[in-house]
Structure formats: C-alpha cells, structure tokens
Amino acid sequence: MAADQPERAKNFYEELFDWKFEAIPGEMEYYLFESKDIDGNTGVGGGLGKRMESEQRMTNFMGVDSVDEYMLKVESLGGKIIQGKTSVPSWGYMAVCLDTENNVFGLWQEDKDAK
C-alpha cells in the first residue's frame, strides 16, 4: 500500500483491523504488516510505504517461486512489466506488472539472501 503519511496510515489500519506492523531496518519508511482473516487467524501479509508518485495506489502482490520466470509468463500471455525485477535486500525480489485488462499487480519472491 502507498500512503502520503505512512505512520498515519499504519495507525489507521492498526485501529481498524488490529493489523500488526513491523518497520523494516534502513532509511526507507516502510512497514511489513500481518492481517487477520474473518475468524481472527493470521491472514495475508503486505507492506506499507511512502507514496512515490501521485497516481500510485494499492497493489496486490502474488507470491511466486521465481520473479524472472513469472515475468516471462506475464509477457507471453499478453501482459506487461511496468517495473522490472527489483531487490528488497534481505527480504526478496519484486516486479510490478499490468494484466491484459490494464490491472496492476505485483510478483513477490521471498529470498532472505537478496542483495
């Protein structure tokens, strides 16, 4: 999720849904969060950071074994890569794509050895 004021957004979602946030180490203001399902069990996780461009919105990321492989699949199926493979040091790799209906989505590959 992108936010103009990440701390304010973090507080909003903590209070609204009882999500738990953890700041990642480093200079970037970015939080990982853990959500809950309707029964209160651990749900889908995500990230919250500073909005970099005014048109930046929420992006759903799908976990994959290999960002490289899935970027190729996206293109072969008529989708587009709008942000190539990007390292998130000590966390993994991500890419942002556009499907055939112009919907933005992300690919996420967990890898604690990412540089």
PDB file of N, CA and C in Angstrom:
ATOM      1  N   MET A   1       0.845  -1.170   0.000  1.00  0.00           N
ATOM      2  CA  MET A   1       0.000   0.000   0.000  1.00  0.00           C
ATOM      3  C   MET A   1       0.888   1.230   0.000  1.00  0.00           C
ATOM      4  N   ALA A   2       0.452   2.242  -0.701  1.00  0.00           N
ATOM      5  CA  ALA A   2       1.178   3.509  -0.735  1.00  0.00           C
ATOM      6  C   ALA A   2       0.414   4.530   0.109  1.00  0.00           C
ATOM      7  N   ALA A   3       1.138   5.373   0.818  1.00  0.00           N
ATOM      8  CA  ALA A   3       0.499   6.370   1.678  1.00  0.00           C
ATOM      9  C   ALA A   3       1.296   7.661   1.660  1.00  0.00           C
ATOM     10  N   ASP A   4       0.595   8.774   1.715  1.00  0.00           N
ATOM     11  CA  ASP A   4       1.274  10.065   1.804  1.00  0.00           C
ATOM     12  C   ASP A   4       1.969  10.194   3.157  1.00  0.00           C
ATOM     13  N   GLN A   5       1.335   9.682   4.190  1.00  0.00           N
ATOM     14  CA  GLN A   5       1.896   9.687   5.543  1.00  0.00           C
ATOM     15  C   GLN A   5       1.799   8.262   6.092  1.00  0.00           C
ATOM     16  N   PRO A   6       2.835   7.441   5.856  1.00  0.00           N
ATOM     17  CA  PRO A   6       2.779   6.038   6.275  1.00  0.00           C
ATOM     18  C   PRO A   6       2.442   5.819   7.743  1.00  0.00           C
ATOM     19  N   GLU A   7       2.961   6.643   8.615  1.00  0.00           N
ATOM     20  CA  GLU A   7       2.676   6.478  10.046  1.00  0.00           C
ATOM     21  C   GLU A   7       1.181   6.653  10.317  1.00  0.00           C
ATOM     22  N   ARG A   8       0.577   7.636   9.680  1.00  0.00           N
ATOM     23  CA  ARG A   8      -0.858   7.870   9.846  1.00  0.00           C
ATOM     24  C   ARG A   8      -1.656   6.668   9.312  1.00  0.00           C
ATOM     25  N   ALA A   9      -1.273   6.169   8.124  1.00  0.00           N
ATOM     26  CA  ALA A   9      -1.961   5.006   7.539  1.00  0.00           C
ATOM     27  C   ALA A   9      -1.783   3.773   8.421  1.00  0.00           C
ATOM     28  N   LYS A  10      -0.578   3.592   8.937  1.00  0.00           N
ATOM     29  CA  LYS A  10      -0.297   2.462   9.839  1.00  0.00           C
ATOM     30  C   LYS A  10      -1.243   2.516  11.038  1.00  0.00           C
ATOM     31  N   ASN A  11      -1.344   3.672  11.658  1.00  0.00           N
ATOM     32  CA  ASN A  11      -2.219   3.830  12.825  1.00  0.00           C
ATOM     33  C   ASN A  11      -3.677   3.540  12.473  1.00  0.00           C
ATOM     34  N   PHE A  12      -4.103   3.988  11.301  1.00  0.00           N
ATOM     35  CA  PHE A  12      -5.472   3.758  10.841  1.00  0.00           C
ATOM     36  C   PHE A  12      -5.770   2.260  10.751  1.00  0.00           C
ATOM     37  N   TYR A  13      -4.903   1.505  10.061  1.00  0.00           N
ATOM     38  CA  TYR A  13      -5.144   0.075   9.869  1.00  0.00           C
ATOM     39  C   TYR A  13      -4.942  -0.744  11.146  1.00  0.00           C
ATOM     40  N   GLU A  14      -4.052  -0.282  12.022  1.00  0.00           N
ATOM     41  CA  GLU A  14      -3.905  -0.953  13.323  1.00  0.00           C
ATOM     42  C   GLU A  14      -5.212  -0.869  14.104  1.00  0.00           C
ATOM     43  N   GLU A  15      -5.783   0.320  14.132  1.00  0.00           N
ATOM     44  CA  GLU A  15      -7.022   0.532  14.882  1.00  0.00           C
ATOM     45  C   GLU A  15      -8.221  -0.123  14.196  1.00  0.00           C
ATOM     46  N   LEU A  16      -8.292  -0.015  12.880  1.00  0.00           N
ATOM     47  CA  LEU A  16      -9.440  -0.523  12.145  1.00  0.00           C
ATOM     48  C   LEU A  16      -9.514  -2.048  12.147  1.00  0.00           C
ATOM     49  N   PHE A  17      -8.410  -2.706  11.815  1.00  0.00           N
ATOM     50  CA  PHE A  17      -8.418  -4.155  11.633  1.00  0.00           C
ATOM     51  C   PHE A  17      -7.543  -4.921  12.627  1.00  0.00           C
ATOM     52  N   ASP A  18      -6.876  -4.216  13.537  1.00  0.00           N
ATOM     53  CA  ASP A  18      -5.968  -4.849  14.502  1.00  0.00           C
ATOM     54  C   ASP A  18      -4.779  -5.514  13.798  1.00  0.00           C
ATOM     55  N   TRP A  19      -4.350  -4.933  12.679  1.00  0.00           N
ATOM     56  CA  TRP A  19      -3.173  -5.442  11.978  1.00  0.00           C
ATOM     57  C   TRP A  19      -1.927  -5.121  12.784  1.00  0.00           C
ATOM     58  N   LYS A  20      -0.919  -5.960  12.664  1.00  0.00           N
ATOM     59  CA  LYS A  20       0.360  -5.765  13.348  1.00  0.00           C
ATOM     60  C   LYS A  20       1.396  -5.317  12.319  1.00  0.00           C
ATOM     61  N   PHE A  21       2.100  -4.240  12.611  1.00  0.00           N
ATOM     62  CA  PHE A  21       3.094  -3.671  11.701  1.00  0.00           C
ATOM     63  C   PHE A  21       4.492  -3.800  12.280  1.00  0.00           C
ATOM     64  N   GLU A  22       5.466  -3.978  11.401  1.00  0.00           N
ATOM     65  CA  GLU A  22       6.870  -4.034  11.791  1.00  0.00           C
ATOM     66  C   GLU A  22       7.675  -3.179  10.819  1.00  0.00           C
ATOM     67  N   ALA A  23       8.390  -2.193  11.344  1.00  0.00           N
ATOM     68  CA  ALA A  23       9.236  -1.347  10.495  1.00  0.00           C
ATOM     69  C   ALA A  23      10.420  -2.163   9.998  1.00  0.00           C
ATOM     70  N   ILE A  24      10.751  -2.001   8.719  1.00  0.00           N
ATOM     71  CA  ILE A  24      11.933  -2.693   8.212  1.00  0.00           C
ATOM     72  C   ILE A  24      13.155  -1.842   8.510  1.00  0.00           C
ATOM     73  N   PRO A  25      14.300  -2.474   8.725  1.00  0.00           N
ATOM     74  CA  PRO A  25      15.513  -1.718   9.013  1.00  0.00           C
ATOM     75  C   PRO A  25      15.938  -0.895   7.791  1.00  0.00           C
ATOM     76  N   GLY A  26      16.564   0.205   8.055  1.00  0.00           N
ATOM     77  CA  GLY A  26      17.065   1.037   6.969  1.00  0.00           C
ATOM     78  C   GLY A  26      16.457   2.422   7.005  1.00  0.00           C
ATOM     79  N   GLU A  27      16.780   3.195   5.985  1.00  0.00           N
ATOM     80  CA  GLU A  27      16.368   4.590   5.937  1.00  0.00           C
ATOM     81  C   GLU A  27      14.970   4.793   5.373  1.00  0.00           C
ATOM     82  N   MET A  28      14.479   3.827   4.583  1.00  0.00           N
ATOM     83  CA  MET A  28      13.183   3.966   3.953  1.00  0.00           C
ATOM     84  C   MET A  28      12.072   3.743   4.984  1.00  0.00           C
ATOM     85  N   GLU A  29      11.060   4.618   4.971  1.00  0.00           N
ATOM     86  CA  GLU A  29       9.914   4.456   5.859  1.00  0.00           C
ATOM     87  C   GLU A  29       8.991   3.409   5.238  1.00  0.00           C
ATOM     88  N   TYR A  30       9.127   2.166   5.695  1.00  0.00           N
ATOM     89  CA  TYR A  30       8.366   1.058   5.129  1.00  0.00           C
ATOM     90  C   TYR A  30       8.061   0.057   6.228  1.00  0.00           C
ATOM     91  N   TYR A  31       6.841  -0.435   6.225  1.00  0.00           N
ATOM     92  CA  TYR A  31       6.391  -1.390   7.227  1.00  0.00           C
ATOM     93  C   TYR A  31       5.874  -2.654   6.551  1.00  0.00           C
ATOM     94  N   LEU A  32       6.158  -3.795   7.143  1.00  0.00           N
ATOM     95  CA  LEU A  32       5.501  -5.035   6.766  1.00  0.00           C
ATOM     96  C   LEU A  32       4.335  -5.198   7.730  1.00  0.00           C
ATOM     97  N   PHE A  33       3.237  -5.780   7.244  1.00  0.00           N
ATOM     98  CA  PHE A  33       2.120  -5.979   8.152  1.00  0.00           C
ATOM     99  C   PHE A  33       1.549  -7.377   8.023  1.00  0.00           C
ATOM    100  N   GLU A  34       0.891  -7.779   9.097  1.00  0.00           N
ATOM    101  CA  GLU A  34       0.210  -9.068   9.168  1.00  0.00           C
ATOM    102  C   GLU A  34      -1.265  -8.778   9.407  1.00  0.00           C
ATOM    103  N   SER A  35      -2.104  -9.298   8.539  1.00  0.00           N
ATOM    104  CA  SER A  35      -3.539  -9.098   8.700  1.00  0.00           C
ATOM    105  C   SER A  35      -4.161 -10.326   9.354  1.00  0.00           C
ATOM    106  N   LYS A  36      -5.473 -10.264   9.545  1.00  0.00           N
ATOM    107  CA  LYS A  36      -6.209 -11.394  10.126  1.00  0.00           C
ATOM    108  C   LYS A  36      -7.396 -11.710   9.229  1.00  0.00           C
ATOM    109  N   ASP A  37      -7.776 -12.996   9.206  1.00  0.00           N
ATOM    110  CA  ASP A  37      -8.969 -13.357   8.455  1.00  0.00           C
ATOM    111  C   ASP A  37     -10.199 -13.099   9.310  1.00  0.00           C
ATOM    112  N   ILE A  38     -11.342 -13.411   8.789  1.00  0.00           N
ATOM    113  CA  ILE A  38     -12.595 -13.119   9.478  1.00  0.00           C
ATOM    114  C   ILE A  38     -12.724 -13.844  10.818  1.00  0.00           C
ATOM    115  N   ASP A  39     -11.998 -14.960  10.972  1.00  0.00           N
ATOM    116  CA  ASP A  39     -12.023 -15.709  12.225  1.00  0.00           C
ATOM    117  C   ASP A  39     -10.911 -15.308  13.186  1.00  0.00           C
ATOM    118  N   GLY A  40     -10.112 -14.310  12.820  1.00  0.00           N
ATOM    119  CA  GLY A  40      -9.032 -13.852  13.677  1.00  0.00           C
ATOM    120  C   GLY A  40      -7.717 -14.578  13.495  1.00  0.00           C
ATOM    121  N   ASN A  41      -7.656 -15.488  12.525  1.00  0.00           N
ATOM    122  CA  ASN A  41      -6.410 -16.201  12.236  1.00  0.00           C
ATOM    123  C   ASN A  41      -5.494 -15.342  11.366  1.00  0.00           C
ATOM    124  N   THR A  42      -4.204 -15.648  11.400  1.00  0.00           N
ATOM    125  CA  THR A  42      -3.253 -14.918  10.571  1.00  0.00           C
ATOM    126  C   THR A  42      -3.696 -14.974   9.121  1.00  0.00           C
ATOM    127  N   GLY A  43      -3.753 -13.807   8.495  1.00  0.00           N
ATOM    128  CA  GLY A  43      -4.191 -13.701   7.107  1.00  0.00           C
ATOM    129  C   GLY A  43      -3.064 -13.279   6.197  1.00  0.00           C
ATOM    130  N   VAL A  44      -3.437 -12.646   5.128  1.00  0.00           N
ATOM    131  CA  VAL A  44      -2.480 -12.200   4.110  1.00  0.00           C
ATOM    132  C   VAL A  44      -1.617 -11.082   4.676  1.00  0.00           C
ATOM    133  N   GLY A  45      -0.327 -11.134   4.390  1.00  0.00           N
ATOM    134  CA  GLY A  45       0.585 -10.080   4.808  1.00  0.00           C
ATOM    135  C   GLY A  45       0.800  -9.084   3.690  1.00  0.00           C
ATOM    136  N   GLY A  46       1.457  -7.994   4.005  1.00  0.00           N
ATOM    137  CA  GLY A  46       1.702  -6.978   2.987  1.00  0.00           C
ATOM    138  C   GLY A  46       2.710  -5.962   3.454  1.00  0.00           C
ATOM    139  N   GLY A  47       2.779  -4.870   2.721  1.00  0.00           N
ATOM    140  CA  GLY A  47       3.699  -3.795   3.038  1.00  0.00           C
ATOM    141  C   GLY A  47       3.026  -2.442   2.874  1.00  0.00           C
ATOM    142  N   LEU A  48       3.531  -1.468   3.590  1.00  0.00           N
ATOM    143  CA  LEU A  48       3.018  -0.106   3.562  1.00  0.00           C
ATOM    144  C   LEU A  48       4.210   0.835   3.506  1.00  0.00           C
ATOM    145  N   GLY A  49       4.233   1.710   2.524  1.00  0.00           N
ATOM    146  CA  GLY A  49       5.350   2.638   2.396  1.00  0.00           C
ATOM    147  C   GLY A  49       4.920   3.983   1.859  1.00  0.00           C
ATOM    148  N   LYS A  50       5.866   4.882   1.786  1.00  0.00           N
ATOM    149  CA  LYS A  50       5.650   6.248   1.317  1.00  0.00           C
ATOM    150  C   LYS A  50       5.265   6.242  -0.155  1.00  0.00           C
ATOM    151  N   ARG A  51       4.207   6.981  -0.504  1.00  0.00           N
ATOM    152  CA  ARG A  51       3.782   7.122  -1.892  1.00  0.00           C
ATOM    153  C   ARG A  51       4.882   7.880  -2.648  1.00  0.00           C
ATOM    154  N   MET A  52       5.334   7.305  -3.748  1.00  0.00           N
ATOM    155  CA  MET A  52       6.408   7.913  -4.537  1.00  0.00           C
ATOM    156  C   MET A  52       5.881   8.746  -5.702  1.00  0.00           C
ATOM    157  N   GLU A  53       4.692   8.424  -6.200  1.00  0.00           N
ATOM    158  CA  GLU A  53       4.077   9.161  -7.298  1.00  0.00           C
ATOM    159  C   GLU A  53       2.603   9.347  -6.973  1.00  0.00           C
ATOM    160  N   SER A  54       2.016  10.463  -7.384  1.00  0.00           N
ATOM    161  CA  SER A  54       0.631  10.768  -7.010  1.00  0.00           C
ATOM    162  C   SER A  54      -0.353   9.705  -7.471  1.00  0.00           C
ATOM    163  N   GLU A  55      -0.078   9.042  -8.593  1.00  0.00           N
ATOM    164  CA  GLU A  55      -1.011   8.033  -9.102  1.00  0.00           C
ATOM    165  C   GLU A  55      -0.791   6.643  -8.503  1.00  0.00           C
ATOM    166  N   GLN A  56       0.189   6.501  -7.615  1.00  0.00           N
ATOM    167  CA  GLN A  56       0.482   5.208  -7.005  1.00  0.00           C
ATOM    168  C   GLN A  56      -0.652   4.802  -6.075  1.00  0.00           C
ATOM    169  N   ARG A  57      -1.159   3.582  -6.262  1.00  0.00           N
ATOM    170  CA  ARG A  57      -2.269   3.054  -5.489  1.00  0.00           C
ATOM    171  C   ARG A  57      -1.889   1.733  -4.847  1.00  0.00           C
ATOM    172  N   MET A  58      -2.855   1.073  -4.200  1.00  0.00           N
ATOM    173  CA  MET A  58      -2.628  -0.251  -3.633  1.00  0.00           C
ATOM    174  C   MET A  58      -2.315  -1.223  -4.763  1.00  0.00           C
ATOM    175  N   THR A  59      -1.356  -2.093  -4.507  1.00  0.00           N
ATOM    176  CA  THR A  59      -1.005  -3.125  -5.476  1.00  0.00           C
ATOM    177  C   THR A  59      -0.982  -4.461  -4.754  1.00  0.00           C
ATOM    178  N   ASN A  60      -1.721  -5.423  -5.277  1.00  0.00           N
ATOM    179  CA  ASN A  60      -1.697  -6.777  -4.725  1.00  0.00           C
ATOM    180  C   ASN A  60      -0.512  -7.522  -5.309  1.00  0.00           C
ATOM    181  N   PHE A  61       0.264  -8.170  -4.445  1.00  0.00           N
ATOM    182  CA  PHE A  61       1.423  -8.957  -4.866  1.00  0.00           C
ATOM    183  C   PHE A  61       1.111 -10.432  -4.695  1.00  0.00           C
ATOM    184  N   MET A  62       1.487 -11.210  -5.699  1.00  0.00           N
ATOM    185  CA  MET A  62       1.298 -12.657  -5.658  1.00  0.00           C
ATOM    186  C   MET A  62       2.652 -13.307  -5.395  1.00  0.00           C
ATOM    187  N   GLY A  63       2.703 -14.202  -4.434  1.00  0.00           N
ATOM    188  CA  GLY A  63       3.936 -14.923  -4.143  1.00  0.00           C
ATOM    189  C   GLY A  63       4.228 -15.945  -5.230  1.00  0.00           C
ATOM    190  N   VAL A  64       5.462 -15.942  -5.727  1.00  0.00           N
ATOM    191  CA  VAL A  64       5.885 -16.868  -6.781  1.00  0.00           C
ATOM    192  C   VAL A  64       7.246 -17.457  -6.426  1.00  0.00           C
ATOM    193  N   ASP A  65       7.587 -18.573  -7.071  1.00  0.00           N
ATOM    194  CA  ASP A  65       8.900 -19.203  -6.860  1.00  0.00           C
ATOM    195  C   ASP A  65      10.018 -18.409  -7.506  1.00  0.00           C
ATOM    196  N   SER A  66       9.725 -17.780  -8.650  1.00  0.00           N
ATOM    197  CA  SER A  66      10.753 -17.058  -9.398  1.00  0.00           C
ATOM    198  C   SER A  66      10.134 -15.857 -10.110  1.00  0.00           C
ATOM    199  N   VAL A  67      10.514 -14.654  -9.700  1.00  0.00           N
ATOM    200  CA  VAL A  67      10.047 -13.442 -10.364  1.00  0.00           C
ATOM    201  C   VAL A  67      10.458 -13.469 -11.835  1.00  0.00           C
ATOM    202  N   ASP A  68      11.675 -13.929 -12.121  1.00  0.00           N
ATOM    203  CA  ASP A  68      12.151 -13.983 -13.505  1.00  0.00           C
ATOM    204  C   ASP A  68      11.231 -14.838 -14.376  1.00  0.00           C
ATOM    205  N   GLU A  69      10.905 -16.041 -13.911  1.00  0.00           N
ATOM    206  CA  GLU A  69      10.042 -16.938 -14.674  1.00  0.00           C
ATOM    207  C   GLU A  69       8.659 -16.330 -14.896  1.00  0.00           C
ATOM    208  N   TYR A  70       8.102 -15.743 -13.857  1.00  0.00           N
ATOM    209  CA  TYR A  70       6.752 -15.208 -13.969  1.00  0.00           C
ATOM    210  C   TYR A  70       6.700 -13.932 -14.805  1.00  0.00           C
ATOM    211  N   MET A  71       7.756 -13.159 -14.825  1.00  0.00           N
ATOM    212  CA  MET A  71       7.784 -12.004 -15.723  1.00  0.00           C
ATOM    213  C   MET A  71       7.695 -12.478 -17.173  1.00  0.00           C
ATOM    214  N   LEU A  72       8.408 -13.550 -17.487  1.00  0.00           N
ATOM    215  CA  LEU A  72       8.333 -14.118 -18.835  1.00  0.00           C
ATOM    216  C   LEU A  72       6.919 -14.613 -19.137  1.00  0.00           C
ATOM    217  N   LYS A  73       6.285 -15.266 -18.177  1.00  0.00           N
ATOM    218  CA  LYS A  73       4.915 -15.755 -18.357  1.00  0.00           C
ATOM    219  C   LYS A  73       3.947 -14.592 -18.593  1.00  0.00           C
ATOM    220  N   VAL A  74       4.098 -13.531 -17.789  1.00  0.00           N
ATOM    221  CA  VAL A  74       3.228 -12.361 -17.938  1.00  0.00           C
ATOM    222  C   VAL A  74       3.285 -11.854 -19.374  1.00  0.00           C
ATOM    223  N   GLU A  75       4.494 -11.672 -19.882  1.00  0.00           N
ATOM    224  CA  GLU A  75       4.651 -11.141 -21.244  1.00  0.00           C
ATOM    225  C   GLU A  75       4.136 -12.119 -22.293  1.00  0.00           C
ATOM    226  N   SER A  76       4.367 -13.411 -22.100  1.00  0.00           N
ATOM    227  CA  SER A  76       3.913 -14.394 -23.085  1.00  0.00           C
ATOM    228  C   SER A  76       2.389 -14.487 -23.140  1.00  0.00           C
ATOM    229  N   LEU A  77       1.729 -14.085 -22.070  1.00  0.00           N
ATOM    230  CA  LEU A  77       0.265 -14.124 -22.022  1.00  0.00           C
ATOM    231  C   LEU A  77      -0.371 -12.785 -22.394  1.00  0.00           C
ATOM    232  N   GLY A  78       0.456 -11.828 -22.823  1.00  0.00           N
ATOM    233  CA  GLY A  78      -0.070 -10.542 -23.265  1.00  0.00           C
ATOM    234  C   GLY A  78      -0.048  -9.442 -22.237  1.00  0.00           C
ATOM    235  N   GLY A  79       0.510  -9.715 -21.071  1.00  0.00           N
ATOM    236  CA  GLY A  79       0.647  -8.682 -20.050  1.00  0.00           C
ATOM    237  C   GLY A  79       1.918  -7.879 -20.265  1.00  0.00           C
ATOM    238  N   LYS A  80       2.164  -6.907 -19.388  1.00  0.00           N
ATOM    239  CA  LYS A  80       3.346  -6.042 -19.496  1.00  0.00           C
ATOM    240  C   LYS A  80       4.043  -5.936 -18.148  1.00  0.00           C
ATOM    241  N   ILE A  81       5.333  -5.752 -18.204  1.00  0.00           N
ATOM    242  CA  ILE A  81       6.117  -5.480 -16.998  1.00  0.00           C
ATOM    243  C   ILE A  81       6.262  -3.969 -16.904  1.00  0.00           C
ATOM    244  N   ILE A  82       5.797  -3.377 -15.808  1.00  0.00           N
ATOM    245  CA  ILE A  82       5.924  -1.930 -15.678  1.00  0.00           C
ATOM    246  C   ILE A  82       7.010  -1.526 -14.679  1.00  0.00           C
ATOM    247  N   GLN A  83       7.454  -2.456 -13.858  1.00  0.00           N
ATOM    248  CA  GLN A  83       8.640  -2.265 -13.023  1.00  0.00           C
ATOM    249  C   GLN A  83       9.333  -3.612 -12.966  1.00  0.00           C
ATOM    250  N   GLY A  84      10.506  -3.682 -13.550  1.00  0.00           N
ATOM    251  CA  GLY A  84      11.248  -4.935 -13.606  1.00  0.00           C
ATOM    252  C   GLY A  84      11.662  -5.434 -12.231  1.00  0.00           C
ATOM    253  N   LYS A  85      12.295  -6.587 -12.243  1.00  0.00           N
ATOM    254  CA  LYS A  85      12.733  -7.226 -11.006  1.00  0.00           C
ATOM    255  C   LYS A  85      13.562  -6.253 -10.173  1.00  0.00           C
ATOM    256  N   THR A  86      13.141  -6.098  -8.926  1.00  0.00           N
ATOM    257  CA  THR A  86      13.784  -5.169  -8.004  1.00  0.00           C
ATOM    258  C   THR A  86      14.109  -5.919  -6.722  1.00  0.00           C
ATOM    259  N   SER A  87      15.312  -5.739  -6.228  1.00  0.00           N
ATOM    260  CA  SER A  87      15.732  -6.380  -4.988  1.00  0.00           C
ATOM    261  C   SER A  87      15.243  -5.593  -3.780  1.00  0.00           C
ATOM    262  N   VAL A  88      14.747  -6.318  -2.810  1.00  0.00           N
ATOM    263  CA  VAL A  88      14.441  -5.759  -1.499  1.00  0.00           C
ATOM    264  C   VAL A  88      15.410  -6.478  -0.555  1.00  0.00           C
ATOM    265  N   PRO A  89      16.574  -5.857  -0.289  1.00  0.00           N
ATOM    266  CA  PRO A  89      17.647  -6.541   0.429  1.00  0.00           C
ATOM    267  C   PRO A  89      17.191  -7.263   1.695  1.00  0.00           C
ATOM    268  N   SER A  90      17.617  -8.509   1.795  1.00  0.00           N
ATOM    269  CA  SER A  90      17.327  -9.406   2.916  1.00  0.00           C
ATOM    270  C   SER A  90      15.871  -9.860   2.991  1.00  0.00           C
ATOM    271  N   TRP A  91      15.056  -9.504   2.021  1.00  0.00           N
ATOM    272  CA  TRP A  91      13.642  -9.892   2.011  1.00  0.00           C
ATOM    273  C   TRP A  91      13.279 -10.693   0.768  1.00  0.00           C
ATOM    274  N   GLY A  92      13.689 -10.189  -0.426  1.00  0.00           N
ATOM    275  CA  GLY A  92      13.322 -10.886  -1.648  1.00  0.00           C
ATOM    276  C   GLY A  92      13.371  -9.998  -2.867  1.00  0.00           C
ATOM    277  N   TYR A  93      12.572 -10.375  -3.865  1.00  0.00           N
ATOM    278  CA  TYR A  93      12.534  -9.661  -5.141  1.00  0.00           C
ATOM    279  C   TYR A  93      11.089  -9.399  -5.527  1.00  0.00           C
ATOM    280  N   MET A  94      10.884  -8.288  -6.212  1.00  0.00           N
ATOM    281  CA  MET A  94       9.546  -7.929  -6.648  1.00  0.00           C
ATOM    282  C   MET A  94       9.573  -7.415  -8.075  1.00  0.00           C
ATOM    283  N   ALA A  95       8.437  -7.440  -8.717  1.00  0.00           N
ATOM    284  CA  ALA A  95       8.226  -6.818 -10.020  1.00  0.00           C
ATOM    285  C   ALA A  95       6.768  -6.371 -10.042  1.00  0.00           C
ATOM    286  N   VAL A  96       6.476  -5.348 -10.837  1.00  0.00           N
ATOM    287  CA  VAL A  96       5.104  -4.861 -10.963  1.00  0.00           C
ATOM    288  C   VAL A  96       4.683  -5.020 -12.416  1.00  0.00           C
ATOM    289  N   CYS A  97       3.485  -5.538 -12.600  1.00  0.00           N
ATOM    290  CA  CYS A  97       3.007  -5.911 -13.930  1.00  0.00           C
ATOM    291  C   CYS A  97       1.639  -5.307 -14.215  1.00  0.00           C
ATOM    292  N   LEU A  98       1.264  -5.407 -15.482  1.00  0.00           N
ATOM    293  CA  LEU A  98      -0.051  -4.993 -15.957  1.00  0.00           C
ATOM    294  C   LEU A  98      -0.660  -6.195 -16.663  1.00  0.00           C
ATOM    295  N   ASP A  99      -1.895  -6.564 -16.285  1.00  0.00           N
ATOM    296  CA  ASP A  99      -2.520  -7.705 -16.954  1.00  0.00           C
ATOM    297  C   ASP A  99      -3.163  -7.258 -18.270  1.00  0.00           C
ATOM    298  N   THR A 100      -3.837  -8.162 -18.935  1.00  0.00           N
ATOM    299  CA  THR A 100      -4.442  -7.854 -20.230  1.00  0.00           C
ATOM    300  C   THR A 100      -5.625  -6.896 -20.127  1.00  0.00           C
ATOM    301  N   GLU A 101      -6.109  -6.650 -18.897  1.00  0.00           N
ATOM    302  CA  GLU A 101      -7.235  -5.740 -18.676  1.00  0.00           C
ATOM    303  C   GLU A 101      -6.789  -4.420 -18.058  1.00  0.00           C
ATOM    304  N   ASN A 102      -5.466  -4.155 -18.093  1.00  0.00           N
ATOM    305  CA  ASN A 102      -4.858  -2.931 -17.535  1.00  0.00           C
ATOM    306  C   ASN A 102      -4.959  -2.846 -16.020  1.00  0.00           C
ATOM    307  N   ASN A 103      -4.996  -3.993 -15.343  1.00  0.00           N
ATOM    308  CA  ASN A 103      -4.946  -4.026 -13.886  1.00  0.00           C
ATOM    309  C   ASN A 103      -3.495  -4.203 -13.440  1.00  0.00           C
ATOM    310  N   VAL A 104      -3.095  -3.427 -12.464  1.00  0.00           N
ATOM    311  CA  VAL A 104      -1.740  -3.515 -11.919  1.00  0.00           C
ATOM    312  C   VAL A 104      -1.706  -4.602 -10.852  1.00  0.00           C
ATOM    313  N   PHE A 105      -0.655  -5.416 -10.873  1.00  0.00           N
ATOM    314  CA  PHE A 105      -0.424  -6.399  -9.824  1.00  0.00           C
ATOM    315  C   PHE A 105       1.074  -6.618  -9.689  1.00  0.00           C
ATOM    316  N   GLY A 106       1.477  -7.188  -8.578  1.00  0.00           N
ATOM    317  CA  GLY A 106       2.894  -7.416  -8.339  1.00  0.00           C
ATOM    318  C   GLY A 106       3.228  -8.887  -8.204  1.00  0.00           C
ATOM    319  N   LEU A 107       4.494  -9.183  -8.424  1.00  0.00           N
ATOM    320  CA  LEU A 107       5.054 -10.508  -8.194  1.00  0.00           C
ATOM    321  C   LEU A 107       6.033 -10.388  -7.033  1.00  0.00           C
ATOM    322  N   TRP A 108       6.017 -11.354  -6.134  1.00  0.00           N
ATOM    323  CA  TRP A 108       6.909 -11.332  -4.974  1.00  0.00           C
ATOM    324  C   TRP A 108       7.568 -12.689  -4.816  1.00  0.00           C
ATOM    325  N   GLN A 109       8.904 -12.664  -4.736  1.00  0.00           N
ATOM    326  CA  GLN A 109       9.701 -13.870  -4.500  1.00  0.00           C
ATOM    327  C   GLN A 109      10.462 -13.671  -3.204  1.00  0.00           C
ATOM    328  N   GLU A 110      10.131 -14.449  -2.197  1.00  0.00           N
ATOM    329  CA  GLU A 110      10.820 -14.333  -0.923  1.00  0.00           C
ATOM    330  C   GLU A 110      12.224 -14.912  -1.064  1.00  0.00           C
ATOM    331  N   ASP A 111      13.226 -14.184  -0.560  1.00  0.00           N
ATOM    332  CA  ASP A 111      14.615 -14.640  -0.610  1.00  0.00           C
ATOM    333  C   ASP A 111      15.421 -13.828   0.390  1.00  0.00           C
ATOM    334  N   LYS A 112      15.703 -14.432   1.550  1.00  0.00           N
ATOM    335  CA  LYS A 112      16.439 -13.721   2.603  1.00  0.00           C
ATOM    336  C   LYS A 112      17.866 -13.351   2.186  1.00  0.00           C
ATOM    337  N   ASP A 113      18.369 -13.976   1.105  1.00  0.00           N
ATOM    338  CA  ASP A 113      19.709 -13.667   0.605  1.00  0.00           C
ATOM    339  C   ASP A 113      19.730 -12.568  -0.452  1.00  0.00           C
ATOM    340  N   ALA A 114      18.596 -11.972  -0.727  1.00  0.00           N
ATOM    341  CA  ALA A 114      18.526 -10.905  -1.750  1.00  0.00           C
ATOM    342  C   ALA A 114      19.464  -9.765  -1.368  1.00  0.00           C
ATOM    343  N   LYS A 115      20.186  -9.295  -2.357  1.00  0.00           N
ATOM    344  CA  LYS A 115      21.142  -8.194  -2.149  1.00  0.00           C
ATOM    345  C   LYS A 115      20.623  -6.910  -2.753  1.00  0.00           C
TER     346      LYS A 115
END
